């Protein structure tokens, strides 16, 4: 080994001596040369920025972990089998388990990788402004890179940082350069401040330079857009445009507990007098056009990522395909039929109200889906509703969330068979819908506290009461005094939710919206 090392050393020394006159040591690294070439033209900057958007759709980021995978698993949205070891351990918050650590590290590394790319774009844009980039190009590229950097840091903070009530604690680093040195850990408040600083600068630039402000989202191809930029000034709803940045600021302020500023920025979107021109609501006709329905509500979108692999993602994790592969055709057909009915109610109606019959058919479809998933572990009951009330108008999607609440918080983790039952009381003056479960006995104190949250005039929803609060307030607004959502002990032993509607619904929604 020593002999080989001596020979190798002699060769290296000889090469250095022989090539000194040719400045061999002055040759730049190949990656540096490649970078210089990339940023020597406008298309290179747009390509690098588009590359960040594309990478946001990787399975480690919003193409998987931050949408239908990790965050939903940790939120207990799925019944994860122990056969799916990594996701099962993640659902149990076993963060020290090796595979879970690797999964979280993959998200961390990928997020900071894209932050590094944003910093690289920012630094090169500064150098090439006036030489390669004109003012319009420079400002749009800088604003989007800053917004992306803030966006990624914010989600890293939400995932790995302290609770919003503990933002004085150490959280995550905030990377603002492309240096190899690692920045120190900042507190949650310091991270929020830097996120808002990046977003504030992006907002200020985009207000003056973003085509979305003057022309709308421009969600279509225009062959006249050349100027070395192709269609990069269009499809603004797929990029962090001015309105998306304003909305993101509202979201950051709300998460950090600053409701005053959150409301201020939310109103800049909601109460924008140009809203119907810049991001108009999709009409019912467009959403229900069976030849080419707009099911994504494209003109209403402020920011989105187009995931062309969403079908594969759905099939991988919601495994209707597995039924077909196992030749369980009857079950698959049944599931597709029920899913179709369930989704049709959500996606095709432009009304705010439905008949009692329609609303209960939707709720029954949800119960059937859960029954297919959990089999003998779940018993569902729906009492026949009074025909005299079948045509009564009620707000849409008020019963299914109560069934879901009973399932998630009442019976999901029961060892014995869980029961969810829906029943009714109806006369000329009042309609009541009851949702009962046989989950653990609920204390009087918890019932009183939850009802107080629902009844509070100063609406401040708790994490586990948002859906209930929304239903309660909708009913109170639309029906006579005394209407609303009332909770109590269930005759089955668990929790009872009662939707109480007194009188007739006060208005009919505009079917054209």
Protein backbone atom coordinates (compact mmCIF):
# COMPACT_ATOMS: atom_id res chain seq x y z
CA UNK A 1 0.00 0.00 0.00
CA UNK A 2 2.83 2.40 0.87
CA UNK A 3 4.51 1.64 -2.45
CA UNK A 4 1.35 2.44 -4.40
CA UNK A 5 0.88 5.67 -2.46
CA UNK A 6 4.47 6.78 -3.21
CA UNK A 7 4.02 6.10 -6.91
CA UNK A 8 0.73 8.02 -7.01
CA UNK A 9 2.24 10.96 -5.19
CA UNK A 10 5.12 11.16 -7.65
CA UNK A 11 2.73 11.16 -10.59
CA UNK A 12 0.65 14.00 -9.07
CA UNK A 13 3.74 16.11 -8.34
CA UNK A 14 5.03 15.54 -11.87
CA UNK A 15 1.74 16.60 -13.39
CA UNK A 16 1.70 19.77 -11.34
CA UNK A 17 5.19 20.69 -12.43
CA UNK A 18 4.52 19.96 -16.10
CA UNK A 19 1.27 21.92 -16.30
CA UNK A 20 2.18 24.99 -14.27
CA UNK A 21 2.93 26.96 -17.39
CA UNK A 22 -0.61 26.26 -18.70
CA UNK A 23 -2.36 27.63 -15.61
CA UNK A 24 -3.88 24.22 -14.92
CA UNK A 25 -4.64 25.23 -11.34
CA UNK A 26 -6.68 28.24 -12.52
CA UNK A 27 -9.38 26.14 -14.21
CA UNK A 28 -12.80 26.74 -12.66
CA UNK A 29 -14.83 23.81 -11.34
CA UNK A 30 -17.21 22.41 -13.94
CA UNK A 31 -20.28 23.14 -11.80
CA UNK A 32 -19.24 26.81 -11.61
CA UNK A 33 -18.91 26.97 -15.36
CA UNK A 34 -22.33 25.39 -15.77
CA UNK A 35 -23.87 27.89 -13.35
CA UNK A 36 -22.30 30.85 -15.16
CA UNK A 37 -23.71 29.57 -18.42
CA UNK A 38 -27.18 29.06 -16.94
CA UNK A 39 -27.36 32.60 -15.62
CA UNK A 40 -25.83 34.18 -18.69
CA UNK A 41 -29.27 34.28 -20.34
CA UNK A 42 -32.80 35.13 -19.28
CA UNK A 43 -34.13 31.65 -20.01
CA UNK A 44 -31.64 30.23 -17.50
CA UNK A 45 -33.15 32.31 -14.68
CA UNK A 46 -36.70 31.34 -15.60
CA UNK A 47 -35.62 27.70 -15.90
CA UNK A 48 -34.02 27.75 -12.45
CA UNK A 49 -37.10 29.37 -10.90
CA UNK A 50 -39.46 26.96 -12.67
CA UNK A 51 -37.24 24.17 -11.39
CA UNK A 52 -38.05 25.19 -7.80
CA UNK A 53 -41.78 25.10 -8.52
CA UNK A 54 -41.35 21.69 -10.14
CA UNK A 55 -39.37 20.31 -7.21
CA UNK A 56 -42.08 21.45 -4.81
CA UNK A 57 -44.07 18.59 -6.35
CA UNK A 58 -41.53 15.95 -5.30
CA UNK A 59 -42.82 13.18 -3.05
CA UNK A 60 -40.85 14.69 -0.16
CA UNK A 61 -42.73 17.98 -0.43
CA UNK A 62 -46.18 18.89 -1.76
CA UNK A 63 -46.34 16.01 -4.21
CA UNK A 64 -46.75 13.62 -1.32
CA UNK A 65 -45.53 14.15 2.23
CA UNK A 66 -47.09 17.59 2.76
CA UNK A 67 -50.42 16.70 1.17
CA UNK A 68 -51.81 13.16 1.23
CA UNK A 69 -48.99 11.41 3.08
CA UNK A 70 -47.13 12.48 6.22
CA UNK A 71 -49.17 15.40 7.49
CA UNK A 72 -52.47 13.57 6.97
CA UNK A 73 -51.09 10.46 8.68
CA UNK A 74 -50.00 12.52 11.70
CA UNK A 75 -53.39 14.24 11.74
CA UNK A 76 -54.99 10.78 12.14
CA UNK A 77 -56.91 11.09 8.88
CA UNK A 78 -56.27 7.45 7.92
CA UNK A 79 -56.62 4.08 9.52
CA UNK A 80 -53.03 2.96 8.86
CA UNK A 81 -52.26 -0.74 8.86
CA UNK A 82 -49.24 -2.01 10.80
CA UNK A 83 -48.14 -3.56 7.51
CA UNK A 84 -47.31 -0.01 6.35
CA UNK A 85 -44.58 0.20 8.96
CA UNK A 86 -43.22 3.70 8.32
CA UNK A 87 -46.61 5.41 8.12
CA UNK A 88 -47.94 3.38 11.04
CA UNK A 89 -45.03 4.51 13.24
CA UNK A 90 -45.54 8.07 12.03
CA UNK A 91 -49.23 7.86 13.00
CA UNK A 92 -48.08 6.78 16.48
CA UNK A 93 -45.65 9.75 16.65
CA UNK A 94 -42.70 7.41 16.97
CA UNK A 95 -40.30 10.11 15.78
CA UNK A 96 -37.21 8.27 17.05
CA UNK A 97 -37.99 5.22 14.91
CA UNK A 98 -35.34 4.98 12.20
CA UNK A 99 -37.62 4.93 9.13
CA UNK A 100 -39.68 7.83 10.49
CA UNK A 101 -36.50 9.83 11.11
CA UNK A 102 -35.36 9.17 7.56
CA UNK A 103 -38.74 10.28 6.16
CA UNK A 104 -38.71 13.51 8.13
CA UNK A 105 -35.07 14.12 7.22
CA UNK A 106 -35.97 13.72 3.54
CA UNK A 107 -38.57 16.48 3.84
CA UNK A 108 -36.16 18.71 5.80
CA UNK A 109 -33.33 18.23 3.31
CA UNK A 110 -35.51 18.72 0.22
CA UNK A 111 -37.06 21.91 1.62
CA UNK A 112 -33.69 23.45 2.43
CA UNK A 113 -32.37 22.33 -0.95
CA UNK A 114 -35.06 24.41 -2.66
CA UNK A 115 -34.39 27.31 -0.30
CA UNK A 116 -30.73 27.12 -1.34
CA UNK A 117 -31.80 27.24 -4.99
CA UNK A 118 -33.91 30.33 -4.27
CA UNK A 119 -30.87 31.99 -2.67
CA UNK A 120 -28.76 31.05 -5.67
CA UNK A 121 -31.29 32.67 -8.01
CA UNK A 122 -31.45 35.80 -5.84
CA UNK A 123 -27.68 36.26 -5.71
CA UNK A 124 -27.18 35.70 -9.44
CA UNK A 125 -30.10 37.98 -10.31
CA UNK A 126 -28.47 40.75 -8.30
CA UNK A 127 -25.21 40.31 -10.22
CA UNK A 128 -26.86 40.06 -13.67
CA UNK A 129 -29.42 42.87 -13.26
CA UNK A 130 -28.92 45.27 -16.13
CA UNK A 131 -26.53 42.91 -17.91
CA UNK A 132 -28.81 39.92 -18.55
CA UNK A 133 -32.08 40.85 -16.82
CA UNK A 134 -34.11 43.97 -17.55
CA UNK A 135 -36.07 45.63 -14.74
CA UNK A 136 -39.27 43.64 -15.34
CA UNK A 137 -37.48 40.31 -15.44
CA UNK A 138 -35.32 41.10 -12.43
CA UNK A 139 -38.19 42.26 -10.25
CA UNK A 140 -40.50 39.32 -11.03
CA UNK A 141 -37.73 36.76 -10.54
CA UNK A 142 -36.57 38.37 -7.30
CA UNK A 143 -40.12 38.65 -5.90
CA UNK A 144 -41.05 35.04 -6.64
CA UNK A 145 -37.78 33.69 -5.24
CA UNK A 146 -38.26 35.69 -2.02
CA UNK A 147 -41.87 34.51 -1.72
CA UNK A 148 -40.86 30.88 -2.26
CA UNK A 149 -38.13 31.21 0.36
CA UNK A 150 -40.59 32.58 2.90
CA UNK A 151 -43.22 29.98 1.96
CA UNK A 152 -40.83 27.06 2.51
CA UNK A 153 -39.43 28.40 5.78
CA UNK A 154 -42.97 28.92 7.10
CA UNK A 155 -43.97 25.32 6.48
CA UNK A 156 -40.69 24.10 8.00
CA UNK A 157 -41.50 26.16 11.08
CA UNK A 158 -45.01 24.70 11.28
CA UNK A 159 -43.64 21.18 10.99
CA UNK A 160 -40.52 21.30 13.15
CA UNK A 161 -40.90 24.43 15.27
CA UNK A 162 -42.72 25.06 18.56
CA UNK A 163 -46.44 25.61 18.98
CA UNK A 164 -47.76 29.06 17.99
CA UNK A 165 -48.17 29.79 21.71
CA UNK A 166 -44.46 29.08 22.35
CA UNK A 167 -42.71 31.06 19.63
CA UNK A 168 -40.02 32.35 22.00
CA UNK A 169 -38.50 28.83 21.86
CA UNK A 170 -35.78 27.77 19.42
CA UNK A 171 -37.21 26.62 16.12
CA UNK A 172 -35.31 26.31 12.82
CA UNK A 173 -32.50 28.05 10.89
CA UNK A 174 -33.40 30.70 8.31
CA UNK A 175 -31.12 30.32 5.31
CA UNK A 176 -30.59 33.57 3.35
CA UNK A 177 -27.29 32.87 1.56
CA UNK A 178 -25.68 30.12 -0.49
CA UNK A 179 -22.70 29.81 1.85
CA UNK A 180 -21.76 26.36 3.14
CA UNK A 181 -21.87 27.55 6.76
CA UNK A 182 -25.00 26.59 8.65
CA UNK A 183 -26.96 29.49 10.20
CA UNK A 184 -27.87 29.34 13.86
CA UNK A 185 -31.22 28.21 15.21
CA UNK A 186 -33.71 31.06 15.50
CA UNK A 187 -36.73 31.34 17.74
CA UNK A 188 -40.17 30.95 16.25
CA UNK A 189 -40.75 34.70 16.50
CA UNK A 190 -37.48 35.44 14.69
CA UNK A 191 -38.41 33.01 11.90
CA UNK A 192 -41.85 34.60 11.55
CA UNK A 193 -40.22 38.05 11.35
CA UNK A 194 -37.91 36.92 8.54
CA UNK A 195 -40.76 35.17 6.68
CA UNK A 196 -42.81 38.36 6.83
CA UNK A 197 -39.81 40.45 5.73
CA UNK A 198 -39.36 38.28 2.63
CA UNK A 199 -43.08 38.36 1.89
CA UNK A 200 -43.30 42.12 2.44
CA UNK A 201 -40.57 42.78 -0.13
CA UNK A 202 -42.16 40.32 -2.55
CA UNK A 203 -45.54 42.02 -2.07
CA UNK A 204 -44.09 45.47 -2.67
CA UNK A 205 -42.35 44.40 -5.89
CA UNK A 206 -45.27 42.39 -7.26
CA UNK A 207 -47.76 45.19 -6.66
CA UNK A 208 -45.92 47.21 -9.31
CA UNK A 209 -44.68 44.47 -11.65
CA UNK A 210 -47.02 41.46 -11.53
CA UNK A 211 -49.25 41.09 -14.63
CA UNK A 212 -51.85 39.51 -12.32
CA UNK A 213 -52.49 42.95 -10.79
CA UNK A 214 -53.23 44.69 -14.07
CA UNK A 215 -54.52 41.82 -16.23
CA UNK A 216 -55.71 39.05 -13.95
CA UNK A 217 -54.36 35.54 -13.57
CA UNK A 218 -53.92 35.05 -17.36
CA UNK A 219 -54.45 31.29 -17.15
CA UNK A 220 -54.02 30.69 -20.89
CA UNK A 221 -51.31 30.50 -23.55
CA UNK A 222 -50.45 33.63 -25.48
CA UNK A 223 -48.25 33.15 -28.52
CA UNK A 224 -47.46 36.85 -28.55
CA UNK A 225 -45.50 36.68 -25.30
CA UNK A 226 -41.91 36.43 -26.47
CA UNK A 227 -39.17 38.73 -25.20
CA UNK A 228 -37.11 35.66 -24.20
CA UNK A 229 -39.71 34.84 -21.56
CA UNK A 230 -42.26 32.67 -23.37
CA UNK A 231 -45.36 32.38 -21.19
CA UNK A 232 -43.68 33.09 -17.85
CA UNK A 233 -45.73 36.27 -17.45
CA UNK A 234 -48.89 34.20 -17.76
CA UNK A 235 -50.41 31.35 -15.73
CA UNK A 236 -50.02 33.56 -12.68
CA UNK A 237 -52.31 31.29 -10.65
CA UNK A 238 -49.57 28.64 -10.83
CA UNK A 239 -46.96 30.99 -9.36
CA UNK A 240 -46.57 33.00 -6.17
CA UNK A 241 -48.19 36.11 -7.57
CA UNK A 242 -49.17 39.31 -5.77
CA UNK A 243 -52.52 38.04 -4.48
CA UNK A 244 -51.05 34.71 -3.35
CA UNK A 245 -48.37 36.56 -1.38
CA UNK A 246 -50.98 38.79 0.29
CA UNK A 247 -53.06 35.72 1.21
CA UNK A 248 -49.94 33.95 2.50
CA UNK A 249 -49.19 36.93 4.75
CA UNK A 250 -52.69 36.63 6.20
CA UNK A 251 -52.07 32.94 6.83
CA UNK A 252 -48.72 33.59 8.55
CA UNK A 253 -50.17 36.30 10.79
CA UNK A 254 -53.13 34.10 11.73
CA UNK A 255 -50.88 31.14 12.62
CA UNK A 256 -48.68 33.42 14.74
CA UNK A 257 -51.75 34.73 16.61
CA UNK A 258 -51.86 38.25 15.15
CA UNK A 259 -55.54 38.29 14.18
CA UNK A 260 -55.61 42.04 13.46
CA UNK A 261 -52.99 41.84 10.73
CA UNK A 262 -54.39 38.53 9.46
CA UNK A 263 -57.80 40.16 8.97
CA UNK A 264 -56.24 43.19 7.30
CA UNK A 265 -54.48 41.11 4.62
CA UNK A 266 -57.39 38.70 4.19
CA UNK A 267 -59.67 41.66 3.46
CA UNK A 268 -57.24 42.85 0.78
CA UNK A 269 -58.24 39.69 -1.12
CA UNK A 270 -61.86 39.24 -0.06
CA UNK A 271 -62.91 42.88 -0.37
CA UNK A 272 -60.83 43.74 -3.41
CA UNK A 273 -63.19 45.75 -5.67
CA UNK A 274 -61.50 44.21 -8.73
CA UNK A 275 -61.86 40.63 -7.47
CA UNK A 276 -64.60 39.62 -9.91
CA UNK A 277 -62.40 40.76 -12.78
CA UNK A 278 -59.03 39.51 -11.53
CA UNK A 279 -60.06 36.14 -9.99
CA UNK A 280 -63.76 35.68 -10.79
CA UNK A 281 -65.91 32.99 -9.17
CA UNK A 282 -66.55 29.96 -11.35
CA UNK A 283 -70.17 29.85 -12.42
CA UNK A 284 -72.39 26.89 -11.80
CA UNK A 285 -72.69 26.42 -15.56
CA UNK A 286 -68.91 26.12 -15.94
CA UNK A 287 -68.60 23.71 -13.01
CA UNK A 288 -71.36 21.43 -14.25
CA UNK A 289 -70.59 21.47 -17.98
CA UNK A 290 -70.18 17.74 -18.55
CA UNK A 291 -68.29 18.26 -21.81
CA UNK A 292 -65.54 20.21 -20.07
CA UNK A 293 -66.37 20.90 -16.41
CA UNK A 294 -64.18 23.28 -14.43
CA UNK A 295 -63.87 21.14 -11.31
CA UNK A 296 -60.70 22.85 -10.13
CA UNK A 297 -62.36 26.31 -10.04
CA UNK A 298 -59.34 27.58 -11.93
CA UNK A 299 -60.16 31.27 -12.06
CA UNK A 300 -60.66 31.39 -8.28
CA UNK A 301 -57.23 29.89 -7.53
CA UNK A 302 -54.68 32.35 -6.12
CA UNK A 303 -51.79 29.87 -6.12
CA UNK A 304 -51.54 26.21 -7.01
CA UNK A 305 -49.09 23.49 -7.96
CA UNK A 306 -50.09 21.33 -10.91
CA UNK A 307 -49.38 17.71 -9.96
CA UNK A 308 -49.61 15.59 -13.10
CA UNK A 309 -49.04 12.43 -11.01
CA UNK A 310 -52.04 12.92 -8.73
CA UNK A 311 -53.89 9.95 -10.22
CA UNK A 312 -51.03 7.59 -9.39
CA UNK A 313 -50.76 9.13 -5.95
CA UNK A 314 -54.45 8.58 -5.31
CA UNK A 315 -54.35 5.00 -6.55
CA UNK A 316 -51.30 4.24 -4.44
CA UNK A 317 -52.79 5.37 -1.15
CA UNK A 318 -56.53 4.98 -1.63
CA UNK A 319 -56.20 1.61 -3.22
CA UNK A 320 -59.28 0.99 -5.30
CA UNK A 321 -56.84 -0.41 -7.82
CA UNK A 322 -55.88 -3.15 -5.33
CA UNK A 323 -59.47 -4.39 -5.28
CA UNK A 324 -59.39 -4.72 -9.04
CA UNK A 325 -56.01 -6.43 -9.02
CA UNK A 326 -57.37 -8.93 -6.50
CA UNK A 327 -60.41 -9.47 -8.77
CA UNK A 328 -62.81 -8.22 -6.07
CA UNK A 329 -64.93 -6.68 -8.79
CA UNK A 330 -68.22 -6.57 -6.91
CA UNK A 331 -66.67 -4.68 -4.00
CA UNK A 332 -64.79 -2.33 -6.33
CA UNK A 333 -67.94 -1.57 -8.30
CA UNK A 334 -69.84 -0.90 -5.12
CA UNK A 335 -67.12 1.40 -3.80
CA UNK A 336 -66.93 3.34 -7.07
CA UNK A 337 -70.69 3.80 -7.05
CA UNK A 338 -70.74 5.11 -3.47
CA UNK A 339 -67.71 7.35 -4.03
CA UNK A 340 -69.34 8.69 -7.16
CA UNK A 341 -72.51 9.61 -5.26
CA UNK A 342 -70.52 11.16 -2.42
CA UNK A 343 -68.27 13.27 -4.67
CA UNK A 344 -71.10 14.25 -7.03
CA UNK A 345 -72.93 15.99 -4.19
CA UNK A 346 -69.82 17.96 -3.28
CA UNK A 347 -68.65 18.95 -6.76
CA UNK A 348 -71.73 19.46 -8.90
CA UNK A 349 -74.09 21.55 -6.83
CA UNK A 350 -73.78 25.32 -6.91
CA UNK A 351 -76.41 25.81 -4.23
CA UNK A 352 -75.95 26.60 -0.58
CA UNK A 353 -79.05 24.59 0.30
CA UNK A 354 -80.42 21.13 -0.42
CA UNK A 355 -83.53 19.18 0.40
CA UNK A 356 -83.43 17.03 3.51
CA UNK A 357 -83.55 13.97 1.25
CA UNK A 358 -80.48 15.08 -0.74
CA UNK A 359 -78.52 15.97 2.40
CA UNK A 360 -79.26 12.62 4.04
CA UNK A 361 -78.40 10.65 0.89
CA UNK A 362 -74.99 12.33 0.99
CA UNK A 363 -74.58 11.49 4.69
CA UNK A 364 -75.64 7.88 4.02
CA UNK A 365 -73.00 7.59 1.27
CA UNK A 366 -70.32 8.72 3.74
CA UNK A 367 -71.51 6.15 6.29
CA UNK A 368 -71.41 3.45 3.62
CA UNK A 369 -67.83 4.34 2.70
CA UNK A 370 -66.76 4.06 6.34
CA UNK A 371 -68.63 0.78 6.66
CA UNK A 372 -66.70 -0.60 3.66
CA UNK A 373 -63.44 0.47 5.27
CA UNK A 374 -64.03 -0.90 8.76
CA UNK A 375 -66.47 -3.76 8.19
CA UNK A 376 -67.71 -5.45 11.36
CA UNK A 377 -65.84 -2.92 13.51
CA UNK A 378 -68.49 -0.32 12.63
CA UNK A 379 -72.29 -0.43 12.79
CA UNK A 380 -74.24 2.38 11.09
CA UNK A 381 -77.92 3.13 11.53
CA UNK A 382 -80.09 5.72 9.76
CA UNK A 383 -83.72 5.95 10.79
CA UNK A 384 -86.16 6.52 7.89
CA UNK A 385 -86.76 10.24 7.64
CA UNK A 386 -90.31 11.60 7.71
CA UNK A 387 -91.62 11.94 4.17
CA UNK A 388 -93.43 15.12 5.18
CA UNK A 389 -90.04 16.74 5.73
CA UNK A 390 -88.17 15.20 2.80
CA UNK A 391 -88.45 18.34 0.69
CA UNK A 392 -87.56 20.78 3.46
CA UNK A 393 -84.60 23.04 2.53
CA UNK A 394 -81.56 22.74 4.80
CA UNK A 395 -77.98 24.03 4.52
CA UNK A 396 -75.73 21.67 2.53
CA UNK A 397 -73.14 19.45 4.24
CA UNK A 398 -74.24 19.81 7.84
CA UNK A 399 -74.99 16.17 8.70
CA UNK A 400 -71.91 14.42 7.26
CA UNK A 401 -69.43 16.49 9.36
CA UNK A 402 -71.29 15.46 12.52
CA UNK A 403 -71.07 11.79 11.52
CA UNK A 404 -67.37 12.27 10.79
CA UNK A 405 -66.91 13.95 14.17
CA UNK A 406 -68.63 11.02 15.90
CA UNK A 407 -66.41 8.59 14.06
CA UNK A 408 -63.11 10.43 14.59
CA UNK A 409 -63.59 11.51 18.21
CA UNK A 410 -66.02 8.90 19.49
CA UNK A 411 -65.59 5.39 18.12
CA UNK A 412 -62.58 5.19 15.81
CA UNK A 413 -60.22 3.77 18.43
CA UNK A 414 -62.76 1.54 20.19
CA UNK A 415 -61.87 -2.13 20.58
CA UNK A 416 -65.53 -3.10 20.51
CA UNK A 417 -67.93 -2.41 17.63
CA UNK A 418 -68.61 1.30 17.20
CA UNK A 419 -72.13 2.52 16.50
CA UNK A 420 -73.21 5.70 14.71
CA UNK A 421 -76.94 6.36 14.49
CA UNK A 422 -78.91 9.14 12.75
CA UNK A 423 -82.51 9.87 13.76
CA UNK A 424 -85.09 12.64 13.35
CA UNK A 425 -87.93 14.61 14.90
CA UNK A 426 -90.05 16.67 12.56
CA UNK A 427 -93.24 18.69 12.63
CA UNK A 428 -94.59 21.82 10.96
CA UNK A 429 -92.55 24.12 13.20
CA UNK A 430 -89.25 22.33 13.79
CA UNK A 431 -86.88 19.76 12.29
CA UNK A 432 -84.27 18.10 14.48
CA UNK A 433 -81.55 15.74 13.23
CA UNK A 434 -79.73 13.65 15.86
CA UNK A 435 -76.32 12.02 15.43
CA UNK A 436 -75.42 9.57 18.22
CA UNK A 437 -72.43 7.36 18.96
CA UNK A 438 -71.58 4.75 21.57
CA UNK A 439 -68.14 6.09 22.27
CA UNK A 440 -66.70 6.74 25.73
CA UNK A 441 -68.92 8.56 28.20
CA UNK A 442 -68.55 12.34 27.91
CA UNK A 443 -68.30 14.42 31.08
CA UNK A 444 -70.82 17.15 31.84
CA UNK A 445 -67.93 19.60 32.10
CA UNK A 446 -66.76 18.83 28.55
CA UNK A 447 -70.27 19.15 27.15
CA UNK A 448 -70.78 22.51 28.88
CA UNK A 449 -67.40 23.80 27.72
CA UNK A 450 -68.00 22.73 24.13
CA UNK A 451 -71.50 24.25 24.05
CA UNK A 452 -70.09 27.49 25.46
CA UNK A 453 -67.57 27.61 22.62
CA UNK A 454 -70.37 27.12 20.12
CA UNK A 455 -72.53 29.84 21.68
CA UNK A 456 -69.77 32.41 22.16
CA UNK A 457 -70.45 35.70 20.38
CA UNK A 458 -66.73 36.36 19.97
CA UNK A 459 -65.99 33.50 17.61
CA UNK A 460 -62.64 31.92 18.48
CA UNK A 461 -62.84 28.28 17.29
CA UNK A 462 -60.74 25.62 18.95
CA UNK A 463 -58.87 23.10 16.83
CA UNK A 464 -61.37 20.35 17.65
CA UNK A 465 -64.53 22.48 17.35
CA UNK A 466 -64.17 24.37 14.06
CA UNK A 467 -66.57 22.16 12.09
CA UNK A 468 -69.16 22.17 14.90
CA UNK A 469 -68.90 25.96 15.29
CA UNK A 470 -69.36 26.55 11.58
CA UNK A 471 -72.50 24.38 11.47
CA UNK A 472 -73.92 26.07 14.57
CA UNK A 473 -73.44 29.56 13.17
CA UNK A 474 -74.83 28.72 9.74
CA UNK A 475 -78.03 27.31 11.26
CA UNK A 476 -78.48 30.21 13.69
CA UNK A 477 -78.10 32.68 10.83
CA UNK A 478 -80.58 30.93 8.53
CA UNK A 479 -83.40 29.88 10.89
CA UNK A 480 -85.50 31.30 13.70
CA UNK A 481 -84.16 32.01 17.24
CA UNK A 482 -83.48 28.86 19.20
CA UNK A 483 -82.03 27.10 16.14
CA UNK A 484 -78.49 25.81 16.14
CA UNK A 485 -76.31 22.85 17.11
CA UNK A 486 -76.81 21.39 20.58
CA UNK A 487 -74.76 18.67 22.22
CA UNK A 488 -75.63 16.29 25.02
CA UNK A 489 -75.20 12.75 26.33
CA UNK A 490 -76.26 10.09 23.83
CA UNK A 491 -78.71 7.31 24.74
CA UNK A 492 -76.09 5.02 23.20
CA UNK A 493 -73.61 6.07 25.87
CA UNK A 494 -71.39 8.50 23.97
CA UNK A 495 -71.97 11.89 22.36
CA UNK A 496 -75.15 13.32 20.81
CA UNK A 497 -75.23 16.20 18.31
CA UNK A 498 -78.62 17.75 17.53
CA UNK A 499 -79.19 20.03 14.55
CA UNK A 500 -82.25 22.08 15.46
CA UNK A 501 -83.95 24.12 12.70
CA UNK A 502 -87.00 26.17 13.70
CA UNK A 503 -89.16 27.70 10.98
CA UNK A 504 -88.27 27.88 7.29
CA UNK A 505 -84.89 28.70 5.76
CA UNK A 506 -84.62 32.47 5.38
CA UNK A 507 -83.16 32.70 1.87
CA UNK A 508 -82.41 30.73 -1.27
CA UNK A 509 -78.91 30.96 -2.71
CA UNK A 510 -78.24 32.28 -6.19
CA UNK A 511 -78.07 29.24 -8.45
CA UNK A 512 -75.91 31.09 -10.92
CA UNK A 513 -72.93 31.13 -8.57
